[in-house]
Amino acid sequence: MRLTLEPGGDIAALVRGAWGDSLVVVIPAALDSLAMAQARAAIGPLAIELAPATRVNAVVLAEEAQPADVDAAVEFLEAARSTTGQVLPIGKR
């Protein structure tokens, strides 16, 4: 399941409120640097918390991230049955 973190959103509440065997959080480039760091740092602990029933991964967008690249990354993480706690950056930083 694809989840999108909104600026000012709570990543832990977003993930804990979702249901599915695979959760992929899309973290937008619009976050300030502190919120970005917090969101990226939360993925590993959330993956541990929800394992083994749910896998938690993230895709972090750069300003120039292309929608097709984001979709491909989300699809990859949803299909990667043994992958959890990973953060994939998309676009140039």
C-alpha atoms as a PDB file:
ATOM      1  CA  MET A   1       0.000   0.000   0.000  1.00  0.00           C
ATOM      2  CA  ARG A   2       1.327   3.384  -0.994  1.00  0.00           C
ATOM      3  CA  LEU A   3       1.177   6.068   1.704  1.00  0.00           C
ATOM      4  CA  THR A   4       2.110   9.715   1.203  1.00  0.00           C
ATOM      5  CA  LEU A   5       3.509  11.737   4.081  1.00  0.00           C
ATOM      6  CA  GLU A   6       2.125  15.253   3.963  1.00  0.00           C
ATOM      7  CA  PRO A   7       4.196  18.211   5.218  1.00  0.00           C
ATOM      8  CA  GLY A   8       3.503  18.493   8.928  1.00  0.00           C
ATOM      9  CA  GLY A   9       2.241  14.912   9.029  1.00  0.00           C
ATOM     10  CA  ASP A  10       3.135  12.281  11.619  1.00  0.00           C
ATOM     11  CA  ILE A  11       4.867   9.372   9.902  1.00  0.00           C
ATOM     12  CA  ALA A  12       4.381   7.010  12.850  1.00  0.00           C
ATOM     13  CA  ALA A  13       0.635   7.666  12.965  1.00  0.00           C
ATOM     14  CA  LEU A  14       0.408   7.338   9.176  1.00  0.00           C
ATOM     15  CA  VAL A  15       2.123   3.931   9.157  1.00  0.00           C
ATOM     16  CA  ARG A  16       0.450   2.587  12.297  1.00  0.00           C
ATOM     17  CA  GLY A  17      -2.959   3.590  10.933  1.00  0.00           C
ATOM     18  CA  ALA A  18      -2.495   1.695   7.671  1.00  0.00           C
ATOM     19  CA  TRP A  19      -3.200  -1.963   6.986  1.00  0.00           C
ATOM     20  CA  GLY A  20      -1.446  -4.347   4.644  1.00  0.00           C
ATOM     21  CA  ASP A  21       1.490  -6.699   4.295  1.00  0.00           C
ATOM     22  CA  SER A  22       3.558  -4.021   2.515  1.00  0.00           C
ATOM     23  CA  LEU A  23       3.535  -0.297   3.268  1.00  0.00           C
ATOM     24  CA  VAL A  24       5.593   2.088   1.159  1.00  0.00           C
ATOM     25  CA  VAL A  25       5.751   5.663   2.425  1.00  0.00           C
ATOM     26  CA  VAL A  26       6.400   8.357  -0.178  1.00  0.00           C
ATOM     27  CA  ILE A  27       8.304  11.169   1.531  1.00  0.00           C
ATOM     28  CA  PRO A  28       8.055  14.407  -0.487  1.00  0.00           C
ATOM     29  CA  ALA A  29      10.933  16.784  -1.162  1.00  0.00           C
ATOM     30  CA  ALA A  30       8.829  19.643   0.276  1.00  0.00           C
ATOM     31  CA  LEU A  31       9.628  18.684   3.884  1.00  0.00           C
ATOM     32  CA  ASP A  32      12.021  20.885   5.823  1.00  0.00           C
ATOM     33  CA  SER A  33      15.363  19.297   6.716  1.00  0.00           C
ATOM     34  CA  LEU A  34      14.363  18.334  10.284  1.00  0.00           C
ATOM     35  CA  ALA A  35      11.088  16.715   9.192  1.00  0.00           C
ATOM     36  CA  MET A  36      12.941  14.890   6.391  1.00  0.00           C
ATOM     37  CA  ALA A  37      15.534  13.547   8.835  1.00  0.00           C
ATOM     38  CA  GLN A  38      12.822  12.430  11.269  1.00  0.00           C
ATOM     39  CA  ALA A  39      10.825  10.690   8.541  1.00  0.00           C
ATOM     40  CA  ARG A  40      13.873   8.872   7.176  1.00  0.00           C
ATOM     41  CA  ALA A  41      14.991   7.842  10.667  1.00  0.00           C
ATOM     42  CA  ALA A  42      11.541   6.469  11.550  1.00  0.00           C
ATOM     43  CA  ILE A  43      11.390   3.848   8.774  1.00  0.00           C
ATOM     44  CA  GLY A  44      13.742   1.313  10.386  1.00  0.00           C
ATOM     45  CA  PRO A  45      12.119   1.337  13.831  1.00  0.00           C
ATOM     46  CA  LEU A  46       8.622   1.195  12.303  1.00  0.00           C
ATOM     47  CA  ALA A  47       9.698  -1.780  10.171  1.00  0.00           C
ATOM     48  CA  ILE A  48      10.936  -3.567  13.297  1.00  0.00           C
ATOM     49  CA  GLU A  49       7.776  -2.698  15.218  1.00  0.00           C
ATOM     50  CA  LEU A  50       5.416  -4.060  12.559  1.00  0.00           C
ATOM     51  CA  ALA A  51       7.464  -7.107  11.499  1.00  0.00           C
ATOM     52  CA  PRO A  52       6.852  -9.834  10.522  1.00  0.00           C
ATOM     53  CA  ALA A  53       3.230  -9.171   9.531  1.00  0.00           C
ATOM     54  CA  THR A  54       3.922  -5.892   7.719  1.00  0.00           C
ATOM     55  CA  ARG A  55       6.910  -4.654   5.731  1.00  0.00           C
ATOM     56  CA  VAL A  56       7.633  -0.909   5.897  1.00  0.00           C
ATOM     57  CA  ASN A  57       9.784   0.865   3.310  1.00  0.00           C
ATOM     58  CA  ALA A  58      10.059   4.411   1.970  1.00  0.00           C
ATOM     59  CA  VAL A  59      10.741   6.340  -1.211  1.00  0.00           C
ATOM     60  CA  VAL A  60      12.291   9.777  -0.644  1.00  0.00           C
ATOM     61  CA  LEU A  61      11.705  12.260  -3.434  1.00  0.00           C
ATOM     62  CA  ALA A  62      14.074  14.917  -4.699  1.00  0.00           C
ATOM     63  CA  GLU A  63      12.701  18.036  -6.399  1.00  0.00           C
ATOM     64  CA  GLU A  64      13.228  16.622  -9.885  1.00  0.00           C
ATOM     65  CA  ALA A  65      11.854  13.123  -9.203  1.00  0.00           C
ATOM     66  CA  GLN A  66       9.831  11.844 -12.141  1.00  0.00           C
ATOM     67  CA  PRO A  67       6.407  10.285 -11.432  1.00  0.00           C
ATOM     68  CA  ALA A  68       7.275   7.166 -13.461  1.00  0.00           C
ATOM     69  CA  ASP A  69      10.427   6.657 -11.367  1.00  0.00           C
ATOM     70  CA  VAL A  70       8.457   7.033  -8.145  1.00  0.00           C
ATOM     71  CA  ASP A  71       5.829   4.554  -9.331  1.00  0.00           C
ATOM     72  CA  ALA A  72       8.538   2.062 -10.323  1.00  0.00           C
ATOM     73  CA  ALA A  73      10.260   2.361  -6.937  1.00  0.00           C
ATOM     74  CA  VAL A  74       6.984   1.847  -5.061  1.00  0.00           C
ATOM     75  CA  GLU A  75       6.120  -1.183  -7.200  1.00  0.00           C
ATOM     76  CA  PHE A  76       9.599  -2.638  -6.643  1.00  0.00           C
ATOM     77  CA  LEU A  77       9.376  -2.272  -2.863  1.00  0.00           C
ATOM     78  CA  GLU A  78       5.866  -3.736  -2.766  1.00  0.00           C
ATOM     79  CA  ALA A  79       7.049  -6.777  -4.734  1.00  0.00           C
ATOM     80  CA  ALA A  80      10.308  -7.288  -2.796  1.00  0.00           C
ATOM     81  CA  ARG A  81       8.925  -9.796  -0.277  1.00  0.00           C
ATOM     82  CA  SER A  82      12.103  -9.979   1.831  1.00  0.00           C
ATOM     83  CA  THR A  83      12.762  -6.236   2.006  1.00  0.00           C
ATOM     84  CA  THR A  84      11.776  -4.067   4.955  1.00  0.00           C
ATOM     85  CA  GLY A  85      13.181  -0.954   6.605  1.00  0.00           C
ATOM     86  CA  GLN A  86      14.700   0.391   3.378  1.00  0.00           C
ATOM     87  CA  VAL A  87      14.744   3.989   2.150  1.00  0.00           C
ATOM     88  CA  LEU A  88      15.175   4.580  -1.599  1.00  0.00           C
ATOM     89  CA  PRO A  89      16.061   8.104  -2.751  1.00  0.00           C
ATOM     90  CA  ILE A  90      14.555   9.032  -6.141  1.00  0.00           C
ATOM     91  CA  GLY A  91      15.945  11.906  -8.216  1.00  0.00           C
ATOM     92  CA  LYS A  92      19.119  13.955  -7.794  1.00  0.00           C
ATOM     93  CA  ARG A  93      20.096  15.544  -4.511  1.00  0.00           C
END
